Amino acid sequence: MFLMEKGVGYMADQRHLNKLNEGVSAWNQWREEHPEILPDLRKADLYEAVLSGADFRRTNLDGVDLRNSRLCSVSLNSASLCQANLSGARLRHASMHKTFFKETILQHANFHKAYLLDIAEAVQSREKLLVVLSKNSLDSEWVEREVTLARQKEGKGKREVLVPICLDSAILNSTIDWAIAIRKRRHIRSFENWQQSSRYQKMLKDLLNDLRRE
């Protein structure tokens, strides 16, 4: 049974939470029958919830606890996940077009084959693309597509678009073609000790200073 987390501030609409408690099929049917309703699940406790296939389009999921939840093939298009915790969540084949992330915890979340529909538009509209390299991200088709699009954009101009940073040493031993190309041709900034606040602040400051000089 899904509950609302205790605390102050705005909370989920209990009626919406009750509907989700009826199961994914009932939830999706309700969404189909009432497209005018924008579900509010703020701060709901969905820890280890099995929600694969759920329709969370335009849903307010701010502050929701989704740790270790199963979110395979969910639709998060235009959903808000501000300050949500998705640590360890499984999001294989999830759809995330215009999904809003701010201060969202994504540590160890699995985005394998997740689909970000407007990624090409995002890459083309930005001067720089920061790509985070780690054991998990190297296996992500999403990250591979980001890198490919950024390198294609670089081929049309003189400035570097791709800014790689690494969270572990996986990039050093990777046999993936695009990872090898980055390793050979780019300076990869290390954020391996990002958990240490003082080290992280220095690494971030150095990175921002380098970006401003370019």
C-alpha atoms as a PDB file:
ATOM      1  CA  MET A   1       0.000   0.000   0.000  1.00  0.00           C
ATOM      2  CA  PHE A   2       1.367   3.402  -1.006  1.00  0.00           C
ATOM      3  CA  LEU A   3       1.361   6.147   1.614  1.00  0.00           C
ATOM      4  CA  MET A   4       2.082   9.833   1.942  1.00  0.00           C
ATOM      5  CA  GLU A   5       5.360  10.721   3.599  1.00  0.00           C
ATOM      6  CA  LYS A   6       5.127  12.577   6.874  1.00  0.00           C
ATOM      7  CA  GLY A   7       6.246  16.160   6.851  1.00  0.00           C
ATOM      8  CA  VAL A   8       5.235  19.730   6.200  1.00  0.00           C
ATOM      9  CA  GLY A   9       4.300  21.416   2.949  1.00  0.00           C
ATOM     10  CA  TYR A  10       2.259  20.244   0.025  1.00  0.00           C
ATOM     11  CA  MET A  11       1.288  16.586  -0.086  1.00  0.00           C
ATOM     12  CA  ALA A  12      -0.206  14.164  -2.578  1.00  0.00           C
ATOM     13  CA  ASP A  13      -3.900  14.196  -3.360  1.00  0.00           C
ATOM     14  CA  GLN A  14      -5.145  11.213  -1.351  1.00  0.00           C
ATOM     15  CA  ARG A  15      -7.757  10.408  -4.002  1.00  0.00           C
ATOM     16  CA  HIS A  16      -5.039  10.047  -6.614  1.00  0.00           C
ATOM     17  CA  LEU A  17      -2.909   7.941  -4.300  1.00  0.00           C
ATOM     18  CA  ASN A  18      -5.877   5.687  -3.576  1.00  0.00           C
ATOM     19  CA  LYS A  19      -6.366   5.148  -7.305  1.00  0.00           C
ATOM     20  CA  LEU A  20      -2.714   4.185  -7.721  1.00  0.00           C
ATOM     21  CA  ASN A  21      -3.135   1.704  -4.861  1.00  0.00           C
ATOM     22  CA  GLU A  22      -5.666  -0.127  -7.028  1.00  0.00           C
ATOM     23  CA  GLY A  23      -2.861  -1.132  -9.382  1.00  0.00           C
ATOM     24  CA  VAL A  24      -1.285   0.014 -12.642  1.00  0.00           C
ATOM     25  CA  SER A  25      -4.158  -1.256 -14.834  1.00  0.00           C
ATOM     26  CA  ALA A  26      -6.781   0.619 -12.820  1.00  0.00           C
ATOM     27  CA  TRP A  27      -4.569   3.721 -12.732  1.00  0.00           C
ATOM     28  CA  ASN A  28      -4.014   3.721 -16.499  1.00  0.00           C
ATOM     29  CA  GLN A  29      -7.713   3.212 -17.173  1.00  0.00           C
ATOM     30  CA  TRP A  30      -8.535   6.138 -14.880  1.00  0.00           C
ATOM     31  CA  ARG A  31      -5.984   8.306 -16.695  1.00  0.00           C
ATOM     32  CA  GLU A  32      -7.544   7.393 -20.033  1.00  0.00           C
ATOM     33  CA  GLU A  33     -11.052   8.169 -18.805  1.00  0.00           C
ATOM     34  CA  HIS A  34     -10.050  11.486 -17.177  1.00  0.00           C
ATOM     35  CA  PRO A  35      -7.355  13.118 -19.355  1.00  0.00           C
ATOM     36  CA  GLU A  36      -8.254  16.526 -17.900  1.00  0.00           C
ATOM     37  CA  ILE A  37      -6.950  15.544 -14.437  1.00  0.00           C
ATOM     38  CA  LEU A  38      -3.307  16.288 -13.624  1.00  0.00           C
ATOM     39  CA  PRO A  39      -2.402  13.740 -10.924  1.00  0.00           C
ATOM     40  CA  ASP A  40      -0.734  15.024  -7.781  1.00  0.00           C
ATOM     41  CA  LEU A  41       1.433  12.447  -6.005  1.00  0.00           C
ATOM     42  CA  ARG A  42       3.790  14.857  -4.257  1.00  0.00           C
ATOM     43  CA  LYS A  43       5.867  13.319  -1.470  1.00  0.00           C
ATOM     44  CA  ALA A  44       4.201   9.916  -1.814  1.00  0.00           C
ATOM     45  CA  ASP A  45       6.073   6.930  -0.388  1.00  0.00           C
ATOM     46  CA  LEU A  46       6.529   4.624  -3.397  1.00  0.00           C
ATOM     47  CA  TYR A  47       9.608   2.856  -2.073  1.00  0.00           C
ATOM     48  CA  GLU A  48      10.172  -0.433  -3.956  1.00  0.00           C
ATOM     49  CA  ALA A  49       6.823   0.034  -5.736  1.00  0.00           C
ATOM     50  CA  VAL A  50       6.134  -2.065  -8.834  1.00  0.00           C
ATOM     51  CA  LEU A  51       4.807   0.490 -11.314  1.00  0.00           C
ATOM     52  CA  SER A  52       6.057  -0.766 -14.670  1.00  0.00           C
ATOM     53  CA  GLY A  53       3.907   0.468 -17.544  1.00  0.00           C
ATOM     54  CA  ALA A  54       2.230   3.211 -15.518  1.00  0.00           C
ATOM     55  CA  ASP A  55       1.041   6.387 -17.229  1.00  0.00           C
ATOM     56  CA  PHE A  56       2.605   9.253 -15.284  1.00  0.00           C
ATOM     57  CA  ARG A  57       2.323  11.842 -18.031  1.00  0.00           C
ATOM     58  CA  ARG A  58       1.903  15.375 -16.624  1.00  0.00           C
ATOM     59  CA  THR A  59       1.987  13.955 -13.098  1.00  0.00           C
ATOM     60  CA  ASN A  60       3.412  15.907 -10.168  1.00  0.00           C
ATOM     61  CA  LEU A  61       5.950  13.564  -8.585  1.00  0.00           C
ATOM     62  CA  ASP A  62       7.903  16.206  -6.689  1.00  0.00           C
ATOM     63  CA  GLY A  63       9.564  14.834  -3.573  1.00  0.00           C
ATOM     64  CA  VAL A  64       8.320  11.294  -4.192  1.00  0.00           C
ATOM     65  CA  ASP A  65      10.316   8.400  -2.716  1.00  0.00           C
ATOM     66  CA  LEU A  66      10.848   6.047  -5.661  1.00  0.00           C
ATOM     67  CA  ARG A  67      13.920   4.288  -4.351  1.00  0.00           C
ATOM     68  CA  ASN A  68      14.398   0.790  -5.794  1.00  0.00           C
ATOM     69  CA  SER A  69      11.068   1.050  -7.599  1.00  0.00           C
ATOM     70  CA  ARG A  70      10.283  -0.717 -10.871  1.00  0.00           C
ATOM     71  CA  LEU A  71       9.435   1.869 -13.498  1.00  0.00           C
ATOM     72  CA  CYS A  72      10.138  -0.059 -16.691  1.00  0.00           C
ATOM     73  CA  SER A  73       8.235   1.279 -19.726  1.00  0.00           C
ATOM     74  CA  VAL A  74       6.541   4.029 -17.711  1.00  0.00           C
ATOM     75  CA  SER A  75       5.573   7.281 -19.397  1.00  0.00           C
ATOM     76  CA  LEU A  76       7.013  10.296 -17.583  1.00  0.00           C
ATOM     77  CA  ASN A  77       6.408  12.748 -20.414  1.00  0.00           C
ATOM     78  CA  SER A  78       5.995  16.285 -19.022  1.00  0.00           C
ATOM     79  CA  ALA A  79       6.065  14.922 -15.461  1.00  0.00           C
ATOM     80  CA  SER A  80       7.794  16.800 -12.631  1.00  0.00           C
ATOM     81  CA  LEU A  81      10.347  14.971 -10.472  1.00  0.00           C
ATOM     82  CA  CYS A  82      11.758  17.894  -8.524  1.00  0.00           C
ATOM     83  CA  GLN A  83      13.594  16.620  -5.407  1.00  0.00           C
ATOM     84  CA  ALA A  84      12.322  13.083  -6.016  1.00  0.00           C
ATOM     85  CA  ASN A  85      14.514  10.154  -4.989  1.00  0.00           C
ATOM     86  CA  LEU A  86      15.002   7.579  -7.752  1.00  0.00           C
ATOM     87  CA  SER A  87      18.060   5.866  -6.267  1.00  0.00           C
ATOM     88  CA  GLY A  88      18.219   2.326  -7.583  1.00  0.00           C
ATOM     89  CA  ALA A  89      15.025   2.724  -9.612  1.00  0.00           C
ATOM     90  CA  ARG A  90      14.688   0.673 -12.802  1.00  0.00           C
ATOM     91  CA  LEU A  91      13.606   2.812 -15.741  1.00  0.00           C
ATOM     92  CA  ARG A  92      14.315   0.557 -18.722  1.00  0.00           C
ATOM     93  CA  HIS A  93      12.424   1.736 -21.806  1.00  0.00           C
ATOM     94  CA  ALA A  94      10.905   4.638 -19.868  1.00  0.00           C
ATOM     95  CA  SER A  95       9.675   7.592 -21.924  1.00  0.00           C
ATOM     96  CA  MET A  96      10.872  10.989 -20.666  1.00  0.00           C
ATOM     97  CA  HIS A  97       9.915  13.742 -23.075  1.00  0.00           C
ATOM     98  CA  LYS A  98      10.115  17.154 -21.352  1.00  0.00           C
ATOM     99  CA  THR A  99      10.393  15.514 -17.929  1.00  0.00           C
ATOM    100  CA  PHE A 100      11.438  18.078 -15.306  1.00  0.00           C
ATOM    101  CA  PHE A 101      14.379  17.129 -13.079  1.00  0.00           C
ATOM    102  CA  LYS A 102      15.679  19.481 -10.385  1.00  0.00           C
ATOM    103  CA  GLU A 103      17.681  18.306  -7.372  1.00  0.00           C
ATOM    104  CA  THR A 104      16.502  14.821  -8.283  1.00  0.00           C
ATOM    105  CA  ILE A 105      18.504  11.946  -6.777  1.00  0.00           C
ATOM    106  CA  LEU A 106      19.404   9.480  -9.540  1.00  0.00           C
ATOM    107  CA  GLN A 107      22.225   7.520  -7.910  1.00  0.00           C
ATOM    108  CA  HIS A 108      22.361   3.952  -9.303  1.00  0.00           C
ATOM    109  CA  ALA A 109      19.136   4.452 -11.260  1.00  0.00           C
ATOM    110  CA  ASN A 110      18.987   2.245 -14.360  1.00  0.00           C
ATOM    111  CA  PHE A 111      18.045   4.217 -17.490  1.00  0.00           C
ATOM    112  CA  HIS A 112      19.038   1.472 -19.942  1.00  0.00           C
ATOM    113  CA  LYS A 113      17.183   2.062 -23.229  1.00  0.00           C
ATOM    114  CA  ALA A 114      15.190   4.899 -21.694  1.00  0.00           C
ATOM    115  CA  TYR A 115      13.818   7.177 -24.395  1.00  0.00           C
ATOM    116  CA  LEU A 116      14.262  10.938 -24.252  1.00  0.00           C
ATOM    117  CA  LEU A 117      12.331  12.121 -27.284  1.00  0.00           C
ATOM    118  CA  ASP A 118      13.737  15.629 -27.561  1.00  0.00           C
ATOM    119  CA  ILE A 119      17.409  14.768 -27.038  1.00  0.00           C
ATOM    120  CA  ALA A 120      18.403  15.836 -30.569  1.00  0.00           C
ATOM    121  CA  GLU A 121      16.733  19.203 -30.104  1.00  0.00           C
ATOM    122  CA  ALA A 122      18.415  19.651 -26.722  1.00  0.00           C
ATOM    123  CA  VAL A 123      21.901  18.907 -28.085  1.00  0.00           C
ATOM    124  CA  GLN A 124      21.452  21.227 -31.071  1.00  0.00           C
ATOM    125  CA  SER A 125      20.257  24.113 -28.894  1.00  0.00           C
ATOM    126  CA  ARG A 126      23.180  24.000 -26.417  1.00  0.00           C
ATOM    127  CA  GLU A 127      26.764  25.171 -26.798  1.00  0.00           C
ATOM    128  CA  LYS A 128      28.044  22.458 -24.466  1.00  0.00           C
ATOM    129  CA  LEU A 129      26.974  18.954 -23.497  1.00  0.00           C
ATOM    130  CA  LEU A 130      28.238  17.591 -20.184  1.00  0.00           C
ATOM    131  CA  VAL A 131      28.404  13.787 -20.359  1.00  0.00           C
ATOM    132  CA  VAL A 132      28.865  11.823 -17.138  1.00  0.00           C
ATOM    133  CA  LEU A 133      30.898   8.662 -17.700  1.00  0.00           C
ATOM    134  CA  SER A 134      30.568   5.705 -15.349  1.00  0.00           C
ATOM    135  CA  LYS A 135      30.208   1.940 -15.472  1.00  0.00           C
ATOM    136  CA  ASN A 136      26.422   2.289 -15.819  1.00  0.00           C
ATOM    137  CA  SER A 137      26.350   5.184 -18.268  1.00  0.00           C
ATOM    138  CA  LEU A 138      28.741   3.459 -20.676  1.00  0.00           C
ATOM    139  CA  ASP A 139      26.084   0.783 -21.183  1.00  0.00           C
ATOM    140  CA  SER A 140      23.332   3.330 -21.789  1.00  0.00           C
ATOM    141  CA  GLU A 141      21.990   3.742 -25.321  1.00  0.00           C
ATOM    142  CA  TRP A 142      20.695   7.128 -24.193  1.00  0.00           C
ATOM    143  CA  VAL A 143      24.216   8.349 -23.352  1.00  0.00           C
ATOM    144  CA  GLU A 144      25.611   6.855 -26.558  1.00  0.00           C
ATOM    145  CA  ARG A 145      23.061   8.790 -28.591  1.00  0.00           C
ATOM    146  CA  GLU A 146      23.867  12.033 -26.740  1.00  0.00           C
ATOM    147  CA  VAL A 147      27.567  11.599 -27.462  1.00  0.00           C
ATOM    148  CA  THR A 148      26.957  10.736 -31.113  1.00  0.00           C
ATOM    149  CA  LEU A 149      24.792  13.809 -31.670  1.00  0.00           C
ATOM    150  CA  ALA A 150      27.304  16.070 -29.925  1.00  0.00           C
ATOM    151  CA  ARG A 151      30.192  14.735 -32.026  1.00  0.00           C
ATOM    152  CA  GLN A 152      28.146  15.238 -35.191  1.00  0.00           C
ATOM    153  CA  LYS A 153      27.523  18.836 -34.166  1.00  0.00           C
ATOM    154  CA  GLU A 154      31.244  19.316 -33.535  1.00  0.00           C
ATOM    155  CA  GLY A 155      31.953  18.060 -37.040  1.00  0.00           C
ATOM    156  CA  LYS A 156      30.035  21.024 -38.432  1.00  0.00           C
ATOM    157  CA  GLY A 157      31.931  23.651 -36.456  1.00  0.00           C
ATOM    158  CA  LYS A 158      35.259  24.425 -34.834  1.00  0.00           C
ATOM    159  CA  ARG A 159      34.297  24.467 -31.139  1.00  0.00           C
ATOM    160  CA  GLU A 160      34.125  21.431 -28.892  1.00  0.00           C
ATOM    161  CA  VAL A 161      30.620  20.651 -27.673  1.00  0.00           C
ATOM    162  CA  LEU A 162      31.256  17.525 -25.626  1.00  0.00           C
ATOM    163  CA  VAL A 163      32.522  17.977 -22.051  1.00  0.00           C
ATOM    164  CA  PRO A 164      33.218  14.553 -20.476  1.00  0.00           C
ATOM    165  CA  ILE A 165      33.615  13.899 -16.767  1.00  0.00           C
ATOM    166  CA  CYS A 166      34.019  10.511 -15.081  1.00  0.00           C
ATOM    167  CA  LEU A 167      32.716   9.161 -11.772  1.00  0.00           C
ATOM    168  CA  ASP A 168      34.857   6.025 -11.822  1.00  0.00           C
ATOM    169  CA  SER A 169      37.647   4.436 -13.888  1.00  0.00           C
ATOM    170  CA  ALA A 170      35.398   2.437 -16.237  1.00  0.00           C
ATOM    171  CA  ILE A 171      36.189   4.691 -19.209  1.00  0.00           C
ATOM    172  CA  LEU A 172      39.876   3.736 -18.980  1.00  0.00           C
ATOM    173  CA  ASN A 173      39.220   0.090 -19.794  1.00  0.00           C
ATOM    174  CA  SER A 174      36.138   0.345 -21.979  1.00  0.00           C
ATOM    175  CA  THR A 175      36.193  -1.368 -25.376  1.00  0.00           C
ATOM    176  CA  ILE A 176      33.146   0.537 -26.675  1.00  0.00           C
ATOM    177  CA  ASP A 177      34.037   2.471 -29.840  1.00  0.00           C
ATOM    178  CA  TRP A 178      32.614   5.843 -28.822  1.00  0.00           C
ATOM    179  CA  ALA A 179      34.161   5.572 -25.355  1.00  0.00           C
ATOM    180  CA  ILE A 180      37.568   4.784 -26.869  1.00  0.00           C
ATOM    181  CA  ALA A 181      37.281   7.851 -29.114  1.00  0.00           C
ATOM    182  CA  ILE A 182      36.573  10.093 -26.123  1.00  0.00           C
ATOM    183  CA  ARG A 183      39.398   8.556 -24.111  1.00  0.00           C
ATOM    184  CA  LYS A 184      41.926   9.141 -26.902  1.00  0.00           C
ATOM    185  CA  ARG A 185      40.907  12.623 -27.986  1.00  0.00           C
ATOM    186  CA  ARG A 186      39.512  14.422 -24.968  1.00  0.00           C
ATOM    187  CA  HIS A 187      40.581  15.582 -21.556  1.00  0.00           C
ATOM    188  CA  ILE A 188      38.266  13.773 -19.148  1.00  0.00           C
ATOM    189  CA  ARG A 189      37.841  15.535 -15.840  1.00  0.00           C
ATOM    190  CA  SER A 190      37.713  13.192 -12.862  1.00  0.00           C
ATOM    191  CA  PHE A 191      34.897  13.467 -10.317  1.00  0.00           C
ATOM    192  CA  GLU A 192      35.711  10.134  -8.681  1.00  0.00           C
ATOM    193  CA  ASN A 193      35.686  11.652  -5.182  1.00  0.00           C
ATOM    194  CA  TRP A 194      32.478  13.618  -5.676  1.00  0.00           C
ATOM    195  CA  GLN A 195      31.038  12.267  -2.385  1.00  0.00           C
ATOM    196  CA  GLN A 196      33.545  14.392  -0.465  1.00  0.00           C
ATOM    197  CA  SER A 197      31.987  17.845  -0.284  1.00  0.00           C
ATOM    198  CA  SER A 198      35.203  19.873  -0.291  1.00  0.00           C
ATOM    199  CA  ARG A 199      36.704  17.888  -3.177  1.00  0.00           C
ATOM    200  CA  TYR A 200      33.481  18.109  -5.138  1.00  0.00           C
ATOM    201  CA  GLN A 201      33.240  21.879  -4.715  1.00  0.00           C
ATOM    202  CA  LYS A 202      36.815  22.312  -5.966  1.00  0.00           C
ATOM    203  CA  MET A 203      36.290  20.000  -8.949  1.00  0.00           C
ATOM    204  CA  LEU A 204      33.077  21.787  -9.864  1.00  0.00           C
ATOM    205  CA  LYS A 205      34.704  25.208  -9.547  1.00  0.00           C
ATOM    206  CA  ASP A 206      37.614  24.128 -11.796  1.00  0.00           C
ATOM    207  CA  LEU A 207      35.194  22.739 -14.366  1.00  0.00           C
ATOM    208  CA  LEU A 208      33.115  25.926 -14.457  1.00  0.00           C
ATOM    209  CA  ASN A 209      36.238  28.078 -14.755  1.00  0.00           C
ATOM    210  CA  ASP A 210      37.438  25.993 -17.696  1.00  0.00           C
ATOM    211  CA  LEU A 211      34.063  26.302 -19.406  1.00  0.00           C
ATOM    212  CA  ARG A 212      34.040  30.072 -18.975  1.00  0.00           C
ATOM    213  CA  ARG A 213      37.496  30.390 -20.585  1.00  0.00           C
ATOM    214  CA  GLU A 214      36.472  28.364 -23.659  1.00  0.00           C
END
